[in-house]
N, C-alpha and C. Protein backbone atom coordinates (compact mmCIF):
# COMPACT_ATOMS: atom_id res chain seq x y z
N UNK A 1 1.03 -1.35 -0.06
CA UNK A 1 -0.34 -0.10 -0.14
C UNK A 1 0.93 0.99 0.27
N UNK A 2 0.34 2.43 -0.71
CA UNK A 2 1.23 3.55 -0.87
C UNK A 2 0.14 4.97 -0.86
N UNK A 3 0.69 6.30 -0.57
CA UNK A 3 -0.38 7.12 -0.87
C UNK A 3 -0.55 7.01 -1.45
N UNK A 4 -1.72 7.95 -1.77
CA UNK A 4 -1.95 8.66 -3.02
C UNK A 4 -1.25 9.37 -3.87
N UNK A 5 -0.64 10.53 -2.87
CA UNK A 5 0.35 11.34 -3.99
C UNK A 5 1.68 10.61 -4.86
N UNK A 6 2.01 9.73 -3.83
CA UNK A 6 3.20 8.17 -4.56
C UNK A 6 2.93 7.89 -6.02
N UNK A 7 1.46 7.01 -5.68
CA UNK A 7 0.72 5.99 -6.16
C UNK A 7 0.65 7.44 -7.87
N UNK A 8 0.33 8.48 -7.64
CA UNK A 8 0.17 9.85 -8.95
C UNK A 8 1.60 9.50 -9.73
N UNK A 9 2.66 9.85 -8.59
CA UNK A 9 3.63 9.93 -9.02
C UNK A 9 3.99 8.87 -9.69
N UNK A 10 4.00 7.62 -9.80
CA UNK A 10 4.25 6.47 -10.20
C UNK A 10 3.32 6.56 -12.00
N UNK A 11 2.31 6.59 -11.94
CA UNK A 11 1.48 7.15 -12.45
C UNK A 11 2.10 7.65 -13.86
N UNK A 12 2.55 8.33 -13.46
CA UNK A 12 2.55 10.25 -14.10
C UNK A 12 4.10 9.62 -14.65
N UNK A 13 5.21 8.87 -14.14
CA UNK A 13 6.00 8.30 -15.24
C UNK A 13 5.40 6.50 -15.69
N UNK A 14 4.70 6.19 -15.10
CA UNK A 14 4.29 5.14 -16.64
C UNK A 14 4.14 5.48 -17.54
N UNK A 15 3.24 6.90 -17.56
CA UNK A 15 2.21 7.05 -18.64
C UNK A 15 3.39 7.48 -20.26
N UNK A 16 4.67 8.57 -18.61
CA UNK A 16 5.56 9.38 -19.21
C UNK A 16 6.48 8.11 -19.85
N UNK A 17 7.21 7.62 -19.47
CA UNK A 17 7.57 6.12 -19.94
C UNK A 17 7.08 5.36 -20.60
N UNK A 18 5.96 4.19 -21.01
CA UNK A 18 5.52 3.89 -21.32
C UNK A 18 5.41 2.20 -20.74
N UNK A 19 5.88 2.38 -19.19
CA UNK A 19 6.62 1.23 -18.27
C UNK A 19 4.72 0.83 -18.14
N UNK A 20 4.78 -0.15 -17.24
CA UNK A 20 3.49 -0.13 -16.28
C UNK A 20 4.56 0.18 -14.77
N UNK A 21 3.38 0.31 -13.49
CA UNK A 21 3.52 0.73 -12.25
C UNK A 21 4.50 -0.45 -11.71
N UNK A 22 4.13 -1.50 -11.95
CA UNK A 22 5.38 -2.56 -11.02
C UNK A 22 6.19 -3.17 -11.70
N UNK A 23 6.43 -2.25 -13.28
CA UNK A 23 8.18 -2.06 -12.93
C UNK A 23 8.60 -0.91 -12.86
N UNK A 24 7.84 -0.33 -12.66
CA UNK A 24 8.96 1.41 -11.45
C UNK A 24 9.20 0.99 -10.79
N UNK A 25 7.65 0.31 -9.92
CA UNK A 25 8.32 -0.11 -8.29
C UNK A 25 9.50 -1.34 -8.28
N UNK A 26 9.19 -2.43 -9.40
CA UNK A 26 10.11 -2.81 -9.42
C UNK A 26 12.08 -2.69 -9.40
N UNK A 27 12.00 -1.79 -9.98
CA UNK A 27 13.45 -0.92 -10.22
C UNK A 27 13.74 -0.38 -9.66
N UNK A 28 12.60 0.33 -8.98
CA UNK A 28 13.66 1.21 -7.68
C UNK A 28 13.57 0.13 -5.98
N UNK A 29 13.14 -0.84 -6.60
CA UNK A 29 13.45 -1.60 -5.45
C UNK A 29 14.80 -2.22 -5.64
N UNK A 30 15.33 -2.60 -7.01
CA UNK A 30 16.39 -2.51 -6.98
C UNK A 30 17.40 -1.59 -7.05
N UNK A 31 17.43 -0.97 -7.68
CA UNK A 31 18.26 0.49 -7.27
C UNK A 31 18.26 1.08 -5.91
N UNK A 32 17.84 0.58 -5.08
CA UNK A 32 17.44 0.84 -3.57
C UNK A 32 18.88 -0.72 -3.52
N UNK A 33 18.47 -1.55 -3.10
CA UNK A 33 19.14 -2.55 -2.47
C UNK A 33 20.82 -2.63 -3.33
N UNK A 34 20.76 -2.22 -4.62
CA UNK A 34 21.78 -2.26 -4.83
C UNK A 34 22.74 -0.87 -4.76
N UNK A 35 22.03 -0.35 -4.42
CA UNK A 35 22.98 1.06 -3.56
C UNK A 35 23.48 1.23 -2.28
N UNK A 36 22.40 -0.11 -1.32
CA UNK A 36 22.69 -0.27 -0.49
C UNK A 36 23.84 -0.98 -0.15
N UNK A 37 24.04 -2.13 -1.43
CA UNK A 37 24.74 -3.16 -1.59
C UNK A 37 26.43 -2.36 -1.45
N UNK A 38 26.74 -1.43 -2.28
CA UNK A 38 27.32 -0.73 -3.05
C UNK A 38 27.81 -0.08 -1.71
N UNK A 39 26.97 0.64 -0.66
CA UNK A 39 27.23 1.35 0.43
C UNK A 39 28.29 0.71 1.18
N UNK A 40 27.90 -0.60 1.11
CA UNK A 40 28.42 -1.24 2.14
C UNK A 40 29.96 -1.87 1.54
N UNK A 41 29.89 -2.11 0.34
CA UNK A 41 31.26 -2.34 0.00
C UNK A 41 31.81 -1.15 0.25
N UNK A 42 31.45 -0.06 -0.32
CA UNK A 42 32.43 1.24 0.06
C UNK A 42 33.46 1.37 1.98
N UNK A 43 32.38 1.03 2.28
CA UNK A 43 32.27 1.37 4.25
C UNK A 43 33.66 0.01 4.55
N UNK A 44 33.50 -1.02 3.76
CA UNK A 44 34.39 -2.01 3.79
C UNK A 44 35.17 -1.63 3.35
N UNK A 45 35.83 -1.33 2.08
CA UNK A 45 36.88 -0.90 2.03
C UNK A 45 37.84 0.00 2.39
N UNK A 46 36.78 1.20 3.40
CA UNK A 46 36.65 1.99 3.87
C UNK A 46 37.71 1.40 5.08
N UNK A 47 37.06 0.30 6.10
CA UNK A 47 37.25 -0.06 7.21
C UNK A 47 39.20 -0.95 6.78
N UNK A 48 38.94 -1.82 5.68
CA UNK A 48 40.87 -2.01 5.01
C UNK A 48 41.79 -1.15 4.61
N UNK A 49 41.09 -0.04 4.67
CA UNK A 49 41.92 0.99 4.37
C UNK A 49 42.20 1.48 5.35
N UNK A 50 42.04 1.88 5.91
CA UNK A 50 42.31 2.13 7.71
C UNK A 50 42.78 0.83 8.44
N UNK A 51 42.08 -0.15 8.91
CA UNK A 51 43.38 -1.21 8.69
C UNK A 51 44.64 -1.10 8.77
N UNK A 52 45.24 -0.54 7.75
CA UNK A 52 45.27 -1.06 6.46
C UNK A 52 47.44 0.16 7.12
N UNK A 53 46.51 1.11 7.80
CA UNK A 53 47.72 1.59 7.82
C UNK A 53 49.13 1.15 8.97
N UNK A 54 50.01 2.40 8.43
CA UNK A 54 50.99 2.07 9.15
C UNK A 54 50.78 2.33 10.58
N UNK A 55 51.95 1.97 11.61
CA UNK A 55 51.64 2.40 12.84
C UNK A 55 52.45 3.89 12.50
N UNK A 56 51.96 5.00 13.07
CA UNK A 56 51.91 6.15 13.89
C UNK A 56 53.57 6.46 14.95
N UNK A 57 54.14 5.37 14.88
CA UNK A 57 54.66 5.33 16.30
C UNK A 57 56.66 4.88 14.91
N UNK A 58 55.92 4.79 13.70
CA UNK A 58 56.86 4.64 13.16
C UNK A 58 56.98 5.66 12.88
N UNK A 59 58.86 5.56 11.71
CA UNK A 59 58.62 6.87 10.57
C UNK A 59 58.13 6.76 9.40
N UNK A 60 57.56 7.21 8.91
CA UNK A 60 57.15 7.05 7.27
C UNK A 60 58.61 7.45 6.38
N UNK A 61 58.01 7.11 4.67
CA UNK A 61 58.79 7.19 4.16
C UNK A 61 58.46 8.62 3.61
N UNK A 62 59.36 9.35 3.18
CA UNK A 62 59.10 10.57 3.04
C UNK A 62 59.02 10.48 1.29
N UNK A 63 59.08 12.42 0.87
CA UNK A 63 58.52 11.74 -0.55
C UNK A 63 59.97 11.52 -1.19
N UNK A 64 61.04 12.40 -1.25
CA UNK A 64 62.22 12.57 -1.41
C UNK A 64 62.46 10.16 -1.06
N UNK A 65 62.29 9.81 -0.05
CA UNK A 65 62.71 7.97 0.01
C UNK A 65 61.68 7.75 -1.51
N UNK A 66 61.07 8.06 -1.70
CA UNK A 66 59.85 7.15 -2.47
C UNK A 66 60.84 8.03 -4.09
N UNK A 67 60.90 8.53 -4.24
CA UNK A 67 61.35 8.86 -5.22
C UNK A 67 62.72 9.01 -5.63
N UNK A 68 63.43 8.56 -4.72
CA UNK A 68 65.25 7.69 -5.18
C UNK A 68 64.35 6.57 -5.14
N UNK A 69 63.47 5.57 -4.69
CA UNK A 69 63.37 4.12 -4.89
C UNK A 69 63.11 4.11 -6.33
N UNK A 70 62.28 5.10 -6.91
CA UNK A 70 61.30 5.01 -8.27
C UNK A 70 62.35 5.37 -9.06
N UNK A 71 63.52 5.90 -9.20
CA UNK A 71 64.79 6.47 -9.19
C UNK A 71 65.58 5.41 -9.89
N UNK A 72 65.63 4.48 -8.53
CA UNK A 72 66.95 3.18 -8.15
C UNK A 72 66.60 2.35 -9.19
N UNK A 73 64.43 2.38 -9.38
CA UNK A 73 63.65 1.39 -10.56
C UNK A 73 63.92 1.14 -11.97
N UNK A 74 64.41 2.35 -11.89
CA UNK A 74 64.27 2.88 -13.58
C UNK A 74 65.70 2.28 -13.66
N UNK A 75 66.40 3.50 -12.68
CA UNK A 75 67.51 2.83 -13.71
C UNK A 75 68.15 1.19 -13.51
N UNK A 76 67.54 0.79 -12.94
CA UNK A 76 67.77 -1.17 -12.77
C UNK A 76 67.25 -1.61 -13.67
N UNK A 77 65.25 -1.56 -14.17
CA UNK A 77 64.85 -1.40 -15.70
C UNK A 77 66.01 -1.07 -16.45
N UNK A 78 66.69 0.29 -16.82
CA UNK A 78 67.60 0.64 -17.81
C UNK A 78 68.34 -0.48 -17.71
N UNK A 79 68.94 -0.90 -16.70
CA UNK A 79 70.15 -1.78 -17.44
C UNK A 79 69.69 -3.61 -18.05
N UNK A 80 68.36 -3.43 -18.15
CA UNK A 80 68.36 -4.30 -18.36
C UNK A 80 68.16 -5.07 -19.83
């Protein structure tokens, strides 16, 4: 059961798109649950990312350190 205002929105959309009200409702349900799954996957990815953070008590690699390692990789690749 839905209220009259929502039913009128559904019927207007059905007329506009040539789809049935039931098809629009099914699609809306699918979109809703797909969005919930997507949000759950994003939240899990965020939890994993936070869990993989380095120990704040250990010194972190500096930008210069990273550039130096990258330069060594490039040099090593060039000599192969």
